[in-house]
Amino acid sequence: MRRAILEPVGIAVLAKAPIPGLAKTRLIPALGAAGAAALQARLIVSTVETAYAAATGPVTLWVTPDPTHTVFRDVAARFRLSVRRQPDGDLGLRMHAAVAAGPTLVIGTDCPALTSGHLADAAAVLRAGCDAVVIPAEDGGYVLIGVRRPEPAVFAGITWSTDTVMTETRLRLTRLGLTWRELETLWDVDRPEDLVRMKADGRS
């Protein structure tokens, strides 16, 4: 009996270069600039590992500001993935660029609780015909958004980096008449108290 061929659902990983003073700035008071950058480097590698383990489709690393950073080069060589530079503009414009190729899940590198199983479940939602899928974050944002086709209005005019991002996104999806599903809410690493949670969760 032939196995069914699943529709590819790409994974776009948006990553900021682990440069001291640029990466994980809200964690600098707890870790120092170099420590925050080192954490960012680890999160980039672990996120790409998770994306590849999900095996939903091609993985692309969308980076800023320098695509030649050592961590990006090493990850690209290890996983033989495509590295693209994020375009100028706000987060919405950058995410929209990442979904231009078709069904795509967009994730950052801030959520060590995100597993390959979560990614596989999100891909299954899009394959089932939903227009979008979202994994909310406990802080009011989201750690994953996936769309079947590019929808610029989903990402335009959102007040990013606030606790209203998920609420605004729900309203936007509703107004556009799109079908979507929300999966299990997860937590990300943005504040010093999140480091304690990482340690307690065995992720230090």
N, C-alpha and C. Protein backbone atom coordinates (compact mmCIF):
# COMPACT_ATOMS: atom_id res chain seq x y z
N MET A 1 0.84 -1.20 0.00
CA MET A 1 0.00 0.00 0.00
C MET A 1 0.88 1.25 0.00
N ARG A 2 0.63 2.19 -0.91
CA ARG A 2 1.44 3.39 -1.00
C ARG A 2 1.09 4.36 0.12
N ARG A 3 2.12 4.97 0.68
CA ARG A 3 1.90 5.97 1.72
C ARG A 3 1.49 7.30 1.08
N ALA A 4 0.55 7.99 1.71
CA ALA A 4 0.10 9.28 1.19
C ALA A 4 1.24 10.30 1.27
N ILE A 5 1.35 11.12 0.23
CA ILE A 5 2.34 12.18 0.21
C ILE A 5 1.69 13.44 0.76
N LEU A 6 2.22 13.93 1.87
CA LEU A 6 1.64 15.09 2.53
C LEU A 6 2.07 16.38 1.83
N GLU A 7 1.16 17.34 1.80
CA GLU A 7 1.48 18.64 1.24
C GLU A 7 2.59 19.30 2.05
N PRO A 8 3.66 19.76 1.39
CA PRO A 8 4.73 20.43 2.15
C PRO A 8 4.24 21.71 2.80
N VAL A 9 4.62 21.88 4.04
CA VAL A 9 4.36 23.14 4.75
C VAL A 9 5.72 23.64 5.24
N GLY A 10 6.17 24.72 4.65
CA GLY A 10 7.48 25.23 5.02
C GLY A 10 7.51 25.82 6.42
N ILE A 11 8.71 25.92 6.96
CA ILE A 11 8.92 26.57 8.26
C ILE A 11 9.92 27.69 8.07
N ALA A 12 9.50 28.90 8.37
CA ALA A 12 10.37 30.07 8.31
C ALA A 12 10.79 30.44 9.73
N VAL A 13 12.09 30.38 9.99
CA VAL A 13 12.63 30.72 11.31
C VAL A 13 13.20 32.13 11.23
N LEU A 14 12.60 33.07 11.97
CA LEU A 14 13.11 34.44 12.01
C LEU A 14 14.09 34.56 13.16
N ALA A 15 15.32 35.00 12.84
CA ALA A 15 16.37 35.01 13.86
C ALA A 15 17.19 36.29 13.81
N LYS A 16 17.44 36.82 14.98
CA LYS A 16 18.33 37.98 15.11
C LYS A 16 19.74 37.47 15.42
N ALA A 17 20.75 38.05 14.78
CA ALA A 17 22.13 37.62 15.01
C ALA A 17 22.50 37.75 16.49
N PRO A 18 23.21 36.76 17.03
CA PRO A 18 23.60 36.81 18.45
C PRO A 18 24.78 37.74 18.69
N ILE A 19 24.52 39.03 18.53
CA ILE A 19 25.55 40.05 18.70
C ILE A 19 25.35 40.72 20.06
N PRO A 20 26.38 40.75 20.91
CA PRO A 20 26.24 41.40 22.22
C PRO A 20 25.74 42.83 22.08
N GLY A 21 24.71 43.15 22.86
CA GLY A 21 24.12 44.47 22.82
C GLY A 21 22.96 44.58 21.85
N LEU A 22 22.81 43.59 20.96
CA LEU A 22 21.71 43.58 20.00
C LEU A 22 20.70 42.49 20.31
N ALA A 23 21.21 41.32 20.72
CA ALA A 23 20.34 40.17 20.96
C ALA A 23 19.90 40.09 22.41
N LYS A 24 18.62 39.74 22.58
CA LYS A 24 18.06 39.50 23.91
C LYS A 24 18.36 40.65 24.88
N THR A 25 18.07 41.86 24.47
CA THR A 25 18.45 43.02 25.27
C THR A 25 17.74 43.07 26.62
N ARG A 26 16.52 42.53 26.70
CA ARG A 26 15.80 42.54 27.98
C ARG A 26 16.40 41.57 28.99
N LEU A 27 17.28 40.70 28.52
CA LEU A 27 17.93 39.76 29.42
C LEU A 27 19.34 40.22 29.81
N ILE A 28 19.79 41.32 29.26
CA ILE A 28 21.13 41.81 29.57
C ILE A 28 21.31 42.11 31.06
N PRO A 29 20.31 42.69 31.76
CA PRO A 29 20.51 42.91 33.20
C PRO A 29 20.79 41.63 33.97
N ALA A 30 20.28 40.51 33.51
CA ALA A 30 20.48 39.24 34.22
C ALA A 30 21.71 38.48 33.73
N LEU A 31 22.00 38.58 32.43
CA LEU A 31 23.06 37.75 31.84
C LEU A 31 24.27 38.53 31.36
N GLY A 32 24.14 39.85 31.25
CA GLY A 32 25.17 40.61 30.58
C GLY A 32 24.99 40.52 29.08
N ALA A 33 25.61 41.45 28.36
CA ALA A 33 25.43 41.48 26.91
C ALA A 33 25.97 40.22 26.24
N ALA A 34 27.14 39.76 26.68
CA ALA A 34 27.73 38.56 26.08
C ALA A 34 26.91 37.32 26.42
N GLY A 35 26.42 37.24 27.65
CA GLY A 35 25.61 36.09 28.05
C GLY A 35 24.29 36.03 27.31
N ALA A 36 23.68 37.19 27.11
CA ALA A 36 22.42 37.23 26.37
C ALA A 36 22.63 36.80 24.92
N ALA A 37 23.74 37.22 24.33
CA ALA A 37 24.06 36.83 22.96
C ALA A 37 24.33 35.33 22.87
N ALA A 38 25.02 34.80 23.88
CA ALA A 38 25.30 33.36 23.88
C ALA A 38 24.00 32.55 23.98
N LEU A 39 23.06 33.03 24.79
CA LEU A 39 21.76 32.36 24.88
C LEU A 39 21.04 32.41 23.53
N GLN A 40 21.09 33.56 22.87
CA GLN A 40 20.46 33.68 21.57
C GLN A 40 21.06 32.68 20.57
N ALA A 41 22.37 32.51 20.60
CA ALA A 41 23.02 31.55 19.71
C ALA A 41 22.50 30.14 19.95
N ARG A 42 22.37 29.78 21.21
CA ARG A 42 21.86 28.44 21.56
C ARG A 42 20.42 28.27 21.11
N LEU A 43 19.63 29.32 21.28
CA LEU A 43 18.22 29.25 20.88
C LEU A 43 18.07 29.11 19.37
N ILE A 44 18.92 29.77 18.61
CA ILE A 44 18.88 29.65 17.15
C ILE A 44 19.12 28.20 16.75
N VAL A 45 20.16 27.61 17.29
CA VAL A 45 20.51 26.23 16.92
C VAL A 45 19.39 25.26 17.33
N SER A 46 18.89 25.40 18.54
CA SER A 46 17.86 24.46 19.01
C SER A 46 16.56 24.64 18.24
N THR A 47 16.24 25.86 17.85
CA THR A 47 15.01 26.09 17.07
C THR A 47 15.11 25.45 15.70
N VAL A 48 16.25 25.60 15.05
CA VAL A 48 16.43 24.97 13.73
C VAL A 48 16.39 23.45 13.86
N GLU A 49 16.99 22.91 14.90
CA GLU A 49 16.92 21.46 15.14
C GLU A 49 15.47 21.00 15.25
N THR A 50 14.68 21.76 16.00
CA THR A 50 13.26 21.42 16.18
C THR A 50 12.51 21.50 14.86
N ALA A 51 12.79 22.54 14.08
CA ALA A 51 12.12 22.69 12.79
C ALA A 51 12.44 21.53 11.86
N TYR A 52 13.67 21.11 11.83
CA TYR A 52 14.04 19.99 10.96
C TYR A 52 13.44 18.69 11.45
N ALA A 53 13.39 18.52 12.75
CA ALA A 53 12.81 17.28 13.29
C ALA A 53 11.33 17.16 12.96
N ALA A 54 10.65 18.29 12.78
CA ALA A 54 9.22 18.25 12.45
C ALA A 54 8.98 17.68 11.06
N ALA A 55 9.91 17.90 10.15
CA ALA A 55 9.85 17.33 8.79
C ALA A 55 8.54 17.64 8.08
N THR A 56 8.08 18.89 8.19
CA THR A 56 6.82 19.28 7.52
C THR A 56 7.06 19.81 6.11
N GLY A 57 8.27 20.25 5.84
CA GLY A 57 8.58 20.86 4.55
C GLY A 57 9.91 21.59 4.65
N PRO A 58 10.25 22.38 3.65
CA PRO A 58 11.55 23.09 3.67
C PRO A 58 11.65 24.09 4.81
N VAL A 59 12.84 24.18 5.38
CA VAL A 59 13.12 25.13 6.46
C VAL A 59 13.99 26.25 5.91
N THR A 60 13.60 27.48 6.18
CA THR A 60 14.37 28.64 5.75
C THR A 60 14.68 29.50 6.97
N LEU A 61 15.92 29.95 7.07
CA LEU A 61 16.34 30.81 8.17
C LEU A 61 16.37 32.25 7.65
N TRP A 62 15.48 33.07 8.19
CA TRP A 62 15.39 34.48 7.81
C TRP A 62 16.11 35.29 8.89
N VAL A 63 17.19 35.97 8.51
CA VAL A 63 18.09 36.53 9.52
C VAL A 63 18.21 38.05 9.40
N THR A 64 18.66 38.65 10.49
CA THR A 64 18.97 40.07 10.55
C THR A 64 19.99 40.28 11.66
N PRO A 65 20.91 41.26 11.57
CA PRO A 65 21.11 42.10 10.39
C PRO A 65 22.17 41.54 9.44
N ASP A 66 22.97 40.58 9.90
CA ASP A 66 24.13 40.13 9.12
C ASP A 66 24.02 38.64 8.80
N PRO A 67 23.72 38.28 7.55
CA PRO A 67 23.58 36.87 7.20
C PRO A 67 24.89 36.09 7.21
N THR A 68 26.02 36.80 7.34
CA THR A 68 27.32 36.11 7.34
C THR A 68 27.80 35.80 8.75
N HIS A 69 26.97 36.07 9.77
CA HIS A 69 27.38 35.77 11.14
C HIS A 69 27.76 34.29 11.27
N THR A 70 28.77 34.01 12.07
CA THR A 70 29.29 32.65 12.22
C THR A 70 28.20 31.64 12.57
N VAL A 71 27.31 31.99 13.48
CA VAL A 71 26.26 31.06 13.89
C VAL A 71 25.36 30.72 12.70
N PHE A 72 25.00 31.72 11.91
CA PHE A 72 24.17 31.47 10.75
C PHE A 72 24.89 30.59 9.73
N ARG A 73 26.17 30.85 9.50
CA ARG A 73 26.93 30.04 8.55
C ARG A 73 27.03 28.60 9.02
N ASP A 74 27.28 28.42 10.31
CA ASP A 74 27.42 27.07 10.86
C ASP A 74 26.12 26.29 10.76
N VAL A 75 25.01 26.94 11.11
CA VAL A 75 23.71 26.27 11.05
C VAL A 75 23.35 25.93 9.60
N ALA A 76 23.63 26.85 8.69
CA ALA A 76 23.33 26.61 7.28
C ALA A 76 24.12 25.42 6.75
N ALA A 77 25.36 25.33 7.14
CA ALA A 77 26.19 24.22 6.68
C ALA A 77 25.75 22.89 7.30
N ARG A 78 25.41 22.93 8.57
CA ARG A 78 25.02 21.70 9.27
C ARG A 78 23.73 21.13 8.72
N PHE A 79 22.76 22.00 8.47
CA PHE A 79 21.44 21.52 8.06
C PHE A 79 21.17 21.71 6.56
N ARG A 80 22.13 22.30 5.86
CA ARG A 80 21.98 22.55 4.43
C ARG A 80 20.69 23.32 4.13
N LEU A 81 20.47 24.34 4.93
CA LEU A 81 19.26 25.13 4.75
C LEU A 81 19.54 26.43 4.01
N SER A 82 18.47 27.05 3.55
CA SER A 82 18.56 28.33 2.88
C SER A 82 18.53 29.45 3.91
N VAL A 83 19.42 30.41 3.75
CA VAL A 83 19.46 31.57 4.63
C VAL A 83 19.07 32.80 3.81
N ARG A 84 18.07 33.53 4.29
CA ARG A 84 17.61 34.74 3.62
C ARG A 84 17.71 35.91 4.60
N ARG A 85 18.03 37.06 4.06
CA ARG A 85 18.07 38.25 4.91
C ARG A 85 16.66 38.83 5.04
N GLN A 86 16.26 39.17 6.25
CA GLN A 86 14.95 39.77 6.46
C GLN A 86 14.90 41.14 5.79
N PRO A 87 13.79 41.45 5.12
CA PRO A 87 13.67 42.77 4.49
C PRO A 87 13.52 43.86 5.53
N ASP A 88 13.72 45.09 5.10
CA ASP A 88 13.49 46.23 5.98
C ASP A 88 11.99 46.35 6.28
N GLY A 89 11.69 46.99 7.38
CA GLY A 89 10.29 47.18 7.75
C GLY A 89 9.99 46.58 9.10
N ASP A 90 8.73 46.71 9.53
CA ASP A 90 8.36 46.19 10.84
C ASP A 90 8.23 44.67 10.80
N LEU A 91 7.93 44.08 11.94
CA LEU A 91 7.85 42.63 12.04
C LEU A 91 6.80 42.07 11.09
N GLY A 92 5.69 42.79 10.91
CA GLY A 92 4.65 42.31 10.02
C GLY A 92 5.13 42.16 8.59
N LEU A 93 5.86 43.15 8.10
CA LEU A 93 6.39 43.08 6.74
C LEU A 93 7.38 41.94 6.59
N ARG A 94 8.18 41.71 7.63
CA ARG A 94 9.18 40.65 7.57
C ARG A 94 8.52 39.27 7.59
N MET A 95 7.46 39.12 8.38
CA MET A 95 6.77 37.84 8.40
C MET A 95 6.03 37.59 7.10
N HIS A 96 5.43 38.65 6.54
CA HIS A 96 4.72 38.48 5.27
C HIS A 96 5.68 38.02 4.18
N ALA A 97 6.90 38.57 4.16
CA ALA A 97 7.89 38.15 3.18
C ALA A 97 8.22 36.66 3.33
N ALA A 98 8.21 36.18 4.56
CA ALA A 98 8.58 34.79 4.82
C ALA A 98 7.53 33.79 4.39
N VAL A 99 6.29 34.23 4.17
CA VAL A 99 5.22 33.29 3.80
C VAL A 99 4.86 33.37 2.32
N ALA A 100 5.65 34.08 1.55
CA ALA A 100 5.32 34.31 0.14
C ALA A 100 5.35 33.03 -0.69
N ALA A 101 6.05 32.01 -0.23
CA ALA A 101 6.24 30.80 -1.05
C ALA A 101 5.08 29.80 -0.96
N GLY A 102 4.08 30.06 -0.13
CA GLY A 102 2.98 29.10 -0.01
C GLY A 102 2.75 28.75 1.44
N PRO A 103 2.11 27.60 1.71
CA PRO A 103 1.82 27.23 3.10
C PRO A 103 3.09 27.25 3.96
N THR A 104 3.08 28.09 4.98
CA THR A 104 4.29 28.30 5.78
C THR A 104 3.93 28.55 7.23
N LEU A 105 4.75 28.01 8.12
CA LEU A 105 4.70 28.32 9.55
C LEU A 105 5.84 29.28 9.85
N VAL A 106 5.54 30.37 10.54
CA VAL A 106 6.56 31.34 10.91
C VAL A 106 6.79 31.26 12.41
N ILE A 107 8.05 31.09 12.79
CA ILE A 107 8.39 31.02 14.21
C ILE A 107 9.62 31.90 14.46
N GLY A 108 9.79 32.29 15.71
CA GLY A 108 11.00 32.96 16.12
C GLY A 108 11.91 31.97 16.82
N THR A 109 12.84 32.50 17.59
CA THR A 109 13.77 31.62 18.32
C THR A 109 13.61 31.77 19.82
N ASP A 110 12.50 32.36 20.27
CA ASP A 110 12.33 32.70 21.68
C ASP A 110 11.57 31.66 22.50
N CYS A 111 11.18 30.55 21.88
CA CYS A 111 10.28 29.63 22.57
C CYS A 111 10.89 28.23 22.67
N PRO A 112 11.68 27.96 23.71
CA PRO A 112 12.25 26.63 23.87
C PRO A 112 11.20 25.56 24.17
N ALA A 113 9.98 25.98 24.53
CA ALA A 113 8.91 25.01 24.80
C ALA A 113 8.28 24.48 23.51
N LEU A 114 8.58 25.12 22.38
CA LEU A 114 8.02 24.69 21.09
C LEU A 114 8.70 23.41 20.64
N THR A 115 7.93 22.38 20.36
CA THR A 115 8.48 21.09 19.96
C THR A 115 8.17 20.79 18.50
N SER A 116 8.81 19.75 18.00
CA SER A 116 8.51 19.30 16.63
C SER A 116 7.07 18.83 16.53
N GLY A 117 6.52 18.31 17.62
CA GLY A 117 5.13 17.90 17.63
C GLY A 117 4.18 19.06 17.45
N HIS A 118 4.49 20.20 18.10
CA HIS A 118 3.67 21.40 17.90
C HIS A 118 3.70 21.83 16.44
N LEU A 119 4.88 21.78 15.83
CA LEU A 119 5.01 22.18 14.43
C LEU A 119 4.25 21.24 13.51
N ALA A 120 4.34 19.96 13.78
CA ALA A 120 3.60 18.98 12.97
C ALA A 120 2.10 19.18 13.10
N ASP A 121 1.63 19.47 14.32
CA ASP A 121 0.19 19.71 14.52
C ASP A 121 -0.26 20.97 13.78
N ALA A 122 0.58 22.01 13.81
CA ALA A 122 0.22 23.25 13.11
C ALA A 122 0.18 23.03 11.60
N ALA A 123 1.13 22.28 11.08
CA ALA A 123 1.13 21.97 9.65
C ALA A 123 -0.12 21.19 9.27
N ALA A 124 -0.54 20.28 10.14
CA ALA A 124 -1.74 19.48 9.86
C ALA A 124 -2.98 20.35 9.77
N VAL A 125 -3.03 21.43 10.56
CA VAL A 125 -4.18 22.35 10.50
C VAL A 125 -4.26 22.99 9.12
N LEU A 126 -3.13 23.44 8.59
CA LEU A 126 -3.13 24.05 7.26
C LEU A 126 -3.46 23.02 6.19
N ARG A 127 -2.93 21.83 6.33
CA ARG A 127 -3.22 20.78 5.34
C ARG A 127 -4.70 20.41 5.34
N ALA A 128 -5.35 20.58 6.49
CA ALA A 128 -6.78 20.25 6.60
C ALA A 128 -7.67 21.31 5.96
N GLY A 129 -7.06 22.43 5.54
CA GLY A 129 -7.83 23.43 4.83
C GLY A 129 -8.04 24.75 5.54
N CYS A 130 -7.60 24.87 6.79
CA CYS A 130 -7.74 26.16 7.48
C CYS A 130 -6.83 27.20 6.82
N ASP A 131 -7.28 28.44 6.84
CA ASP A 131 -6.48 29.52 6.28
C ASP A 131 -5.28 29.86 7.14
N ALA A 132 -5.42 29.68 8.45
CA ALA A 132 -4.34 30.08 9.36
C ALA A 132 -4.35 29.21 10.61
N VAL A 133 -3.21 29.21 11.27
CA VAL A 133 -3.06 28.51 12.55
C VAL A 133 -2.15 29.37 13.42
N VAL A 134 -2.45 29.42 14.71
CA VAL A 134 -1.68 30.25 15.63
C VAL A 134 -1.42 29.49 16.92
N ILE A 135 -0.22 29.66 17.46
CA ILE A 135 0.08 29.19 18.81
C ILE A 135 0.30 30.44 19.67
N PRO A 136 -0.65 30.76 20.55
CA PRO A 136 -0.52 31.96 21.38
C PRO A 136 0.63 31.82 22.38
N ALA A 137 1.12 32.97 22.82
CA ALA A 137 2.12 33.02 23.88
C ALA A 137 1.46 33.53 25.15
N GLU A 138 1.97 33.12 26.28
CA GLU A 138 1.39 33.53 27.55
C GLU A 138 1.44 35.04 27.77
N ASP A 139 2.38 35.72 27.10
CA ASP A 139 2.52 37.15 27.31
C ASP A 139 1.60 38.00 26.44
N GLY A 140 0.69 37.34 25.70
CA GLY A 140 -0.26 38.07 24.88
C GLY A 140 0.10 38.15 23.41
N GLY A 141 1.25 37.65 23.05
CA GLY A 141 1.64 37.58 21.64
C GLY A 141 1.40 36.19 21.10
N TYR A 142 2.19 35.79 20.13
CA TYR A 142 2.13 34.40 19.68
C TYR A 142 3.54 33.92 19.33
N VAL A 143 3.74 32.61 19.43
CA VAL A 143 5.05 32.02 19.14
C VAL A 143 5.08 31.37 17.77
N LEU A 144 3.91 31.22 17.14
CA LEU A 144 3.83 30.66 15.79
C LEU A 144 2.59 31.19 15.11
N ILE A 145 2.74 31.52 13.84
CA ILE A 145 1.58 31.78 12.99
C ILE A 145 1.85 31.10 11.66
N GLY A 146 0.84 30.45 11.13
CA GLY A 146 0.96 29.80 9.84
C GLY A 146 -0.19 30.19 8.95
N VAL A 147 0.08 30.33 7.66
CA VAL A 147 -0.96 30.67 6.70
C VAL A 147 -0.82 29.79 5.46
N ARG A 148 -1.97 29.50 4.83
CA ARG A 148 -1.95 28.70 3.61
C ARG A 148 -1.47 29.52 2.41
N ARG A 149 -1.74 30.80 2.44
CA ARG A 149 -1.33 31.67 1.33
C ARG A 149 -1.03 33.05 1.91
N PRO A 150 -0.26 33.85 1.20
CA PRO A 150 0.08 35.17 1.72
C PRO A 150 -1.16 36.03 1.95
N GLU A 151 -1.25 36.59 3.13
CA GLU A 151 -2.36 37.47 3.50
C GLU A 151 -1.77 38.71 4.16
N PRO A 152 -1.40 39.72 3.36
CA PRO A 152 -0.72 40.90 3.92
C PRO A 152 -1.47 41.55 5.08
N ALA A 153 -2.79 41.56 5.01
CA ALA A 153 -3.57 42.26 6.04
C ALA A 153 -3.48 41.59 7.40
N VAL A 154 -3.11 40.30 7.44
CA VAL A 154 -2.96 39.61 8.73
C VAL A 154 -1.83 40.23 9.54
N PHE A 155 -0.83 40.75 8.85
CA PHE A 155 0.37 41.25 9.52
C PHE A 155 0.48 42.76 9.54
N ALA A 156 -0.42 43.46 8.86
CA ALA A 156 -0.30 44.92 8.73
C ALA A 156 -1.01 45.64 9.87
N GLY A 157 -0.36 46.67 10.40
CA GLY A 157 -1.00 47.54 11.39
C GLY A 157 -1.13 46.94 12.78
N ILE A 158 -0.42 45.84 13.07
CA ILE A 158 -0.44 45.25 14.40
C ILE A 158 0.53 46.00 15.31
N THR A 159 0.15 46.20 16.55
CA THR A 159 1.04 46.85 17.51
C THR A 159 1.97 45.80 18.10
N TRP A 160 3.11 45.61 17.46
CA TRP A 160 4.02 44.52 17.82
C TRP A 160 4.68 44.75 19.18
N SER A 161 5.14 43.65 19.76
CA SER A 161 5.87 43.65 21.05
C SER A 161 5.01 44.21 22.18
N THR A 162 3.71 43.90 22.12
CA THR A 162 2.80 44.29 23.19
C THR A 162 1.95 43.08 23.59
N ASP A 163 1.21 43.24 24.68
CA ASP A 163 0.37 42.12 25.13
C ASP A 163 -0.97 42.08 24.42
N THR A 164 -1.12 42.89 23.36
CA THR A 164 -2.37 42.88 22.59
C THR A 164 -2.23 42.22 21.22
N VAL A 165 -1.04 41.71 20.92
CA VAL A 165 -0.79 41.16 19.58
C VAL A 165 -1.77 40.04 19.24
N MET A 166 -1.97 39.09 20.15
CA MET A 166 -2.86 37.96 19.86
C MET A 166 -4.30 38.44 19.72
N THR A 167 -4.72 39.35 20.58
CA THR A 167 -6.08 39.89 20.50
C THR A 167 -6.29 40.61 19.17
N GLU A 168 -5.34 41.43 18.78
CA GLU A 168 -5.46 42.13 17.49
C GLU A 168 -5.48 41.15 16.33
N THR A 169 -4.68 40.09 16.43
CA THR A 169 -4.63 39.11 15.35
C THR A 169 -5.94 38.34 15.23
N ARG A 170 -6.55 37.99 16.35
CA ARG A 170 -7.86 37.33 16.30
C ARG A 170 -8.88 38.22 15.60
N LEU A 171 -8.91 39.50 15.96
CA LEU A 171 -9.84 40.43 15.33
C LEU A 171 -9.57 40.55 13.83
N ARG A 172 -8.30 40.59 13.47
CA ARG A 172 -7.94 40.72 12.06
C ARG A 172 -8.38 39.50 11.27
N LEU A 173 -8.12 38.32 11.81
CA LEU A 173 -8.52 37.09 11.12
C LEU A 173 -10.04 37.03 10.94
N THR A 174 -10.76 37.47 11.97
CA THR A 174 -12.22 37.47 11.90
C THR A 174 -12.72 38.45 10.84
N ARG A 175 -12.18 39.65 10.85
CA ARG A 175 -12.62 40.67 9.89
C ARG A 175 -12.32 40.26 8.45
N LEU A 176 -11.25 39.50 8.26
CA LEU A 176 -10.89 39.06 6.91
C LEU A 176 -11.70 37.84 6.47
N GLY A 177 -12.47 37.28 7.39
CA GLY A 177 -13.28 36.11 7.06
C GLY A 177 -12.47 34.85 6.87
N LEU A 178 -11.33 34.78 7.54
CA LEU A 178 -10.46 33.61 7.41
C LEU A 178 -10.80 32.56 8.46
N THR A 179 -10.57 31.32 8.12
CA THR A 179 -10.71 30.24 9.10
C THR A 179 -9.36 29.99 9.76
N TRP A 180 -9.39 29.76 11.08
CA TRP A 180 -8.14 29.49 11.76
C TRP A 180 -8.38 28.66 13.00
N ARG A 181 -7.30 28.09 13.50
CA ARG A 181 -7.32 27.34 14.76
C ARG A 181 -6.19 27.83 15.65
N GLU A 182 -6.45 27.84 16.94
CA GLU A 182 -5.42 28.12 17.93
C GLU A 182 -5.04 26.82 18.62
N LEU A 183 -3.76 26.61 18.75
CA LEU A 183 -3.26 25.43 19.45
C LEU A 183 -2.83 25.83 20.87
N GLU A 184 -2.23 24.89 21.56
CA GLU A 184 -1.83 25.07 22.95
C GLU A 184 -0.98 26.33 23.16
N THR A 185 -1.35 27.14 24.15
CA THR A 185 -0.57 28.32 24.50
C THR A 185 0.77 27.92 25.10
N LEU A 186 1.84 28.59 24.66
CA LEU A 186 3.19 28.28 25.14
C LEU A 186 3.82 29.54 25.75
N TRP A 187 4.99 29.38 26.31
CA TRP A 187 5.70 30.52 26.90
C TRP A 187 7.02 30.73 26.16
N ASP A 188 7.46 31.98 26.15
CA ASP A 188 8.73 32.27 25.51
C ASP A 188 9.70 32.93 26.49
N VAL A 189 10.89 33.17 26.04
CA VAL A 189 11.96 33.67 26.91
C VAL A 189 12.29 35.10 26.53
N ASP A 190 11.78 36.04 27.31
CA ASP A 190 12.01 37.45 27.05
C ASP A 190 12.49 38.22 28.28
N ARG A 191 12.12 37.73 29.47
CA ARG A 191 12.38 38.46 30.69
C ARG A 191 13.24 37.62 31.63
N PRO A 192 13.93 38.29 32.59
CA PRO A 192 14.78 37.54 33.52
C PRO A 192 14.05 36.40 34.24
N GLU A 193 12.77 36.60 34.57
CA GLU A 193 12.05 35.54 35.27
C GLU A 193 11.85 34.31 34.39
N ASP A 194 11.90 34.50 33.07
CA ASP A 194 11.78 33.35 32.17
C ASP A 194 13.00 32.44 32.25
N LEU A 195 14.15 33.00 32.63
CA LEU A 195 15.34 32.18 32.79
C LEU A 195 15.17 31.18 33.92
N VAL A 196 14.50 31.62 34.98
CA VAL A 196 14.22 30.71 36.11
C VAL A 196 13.34 29.58 35.64
N ARG A 197 12.37 29.91 34.80
CA ARG A 197 11.46 28.88 34.28
C ARG A 197 12.21 27.90 33.37
N MET A 198 13.14 28.43 32.57
CA MET A 198 13.94 27.54 31.73
C MET A 198 14.72 26.54 32.57
N LYS A 199 15.30 27.03 33.65
CA LYS A 199 16.08 26.15 34.52
C LYS A 199 15.19 25.11 35.18
N ALA A 200 14.02 25.54 35.67
CA ALA A 200 13.10 24.62 36.32
C ALA A 200 12.57 23.57 35.33
N ASP A 201 12.50 23.97 34.06
CA ASP A 201 12.01 23.08 33.02
C ASP A 201 13.08 22.18 32.43
N GLY A 202 14.30 22.31 33.01
CA GLY A 202 15.39 21.48 32.54
C GLY A 202 15.99 21.94 31.23
N ARG A 203 15.83 23.24 30.90
CA ARG A 203 16.33 23.77 29.63
C ARG A 203 17.47 24.73 29.82
N SER A 204 18.06 24.78 30.99
CA SER A 204 19.14 25.74 31.23
C SER A 204 20.42 25.30 30.54
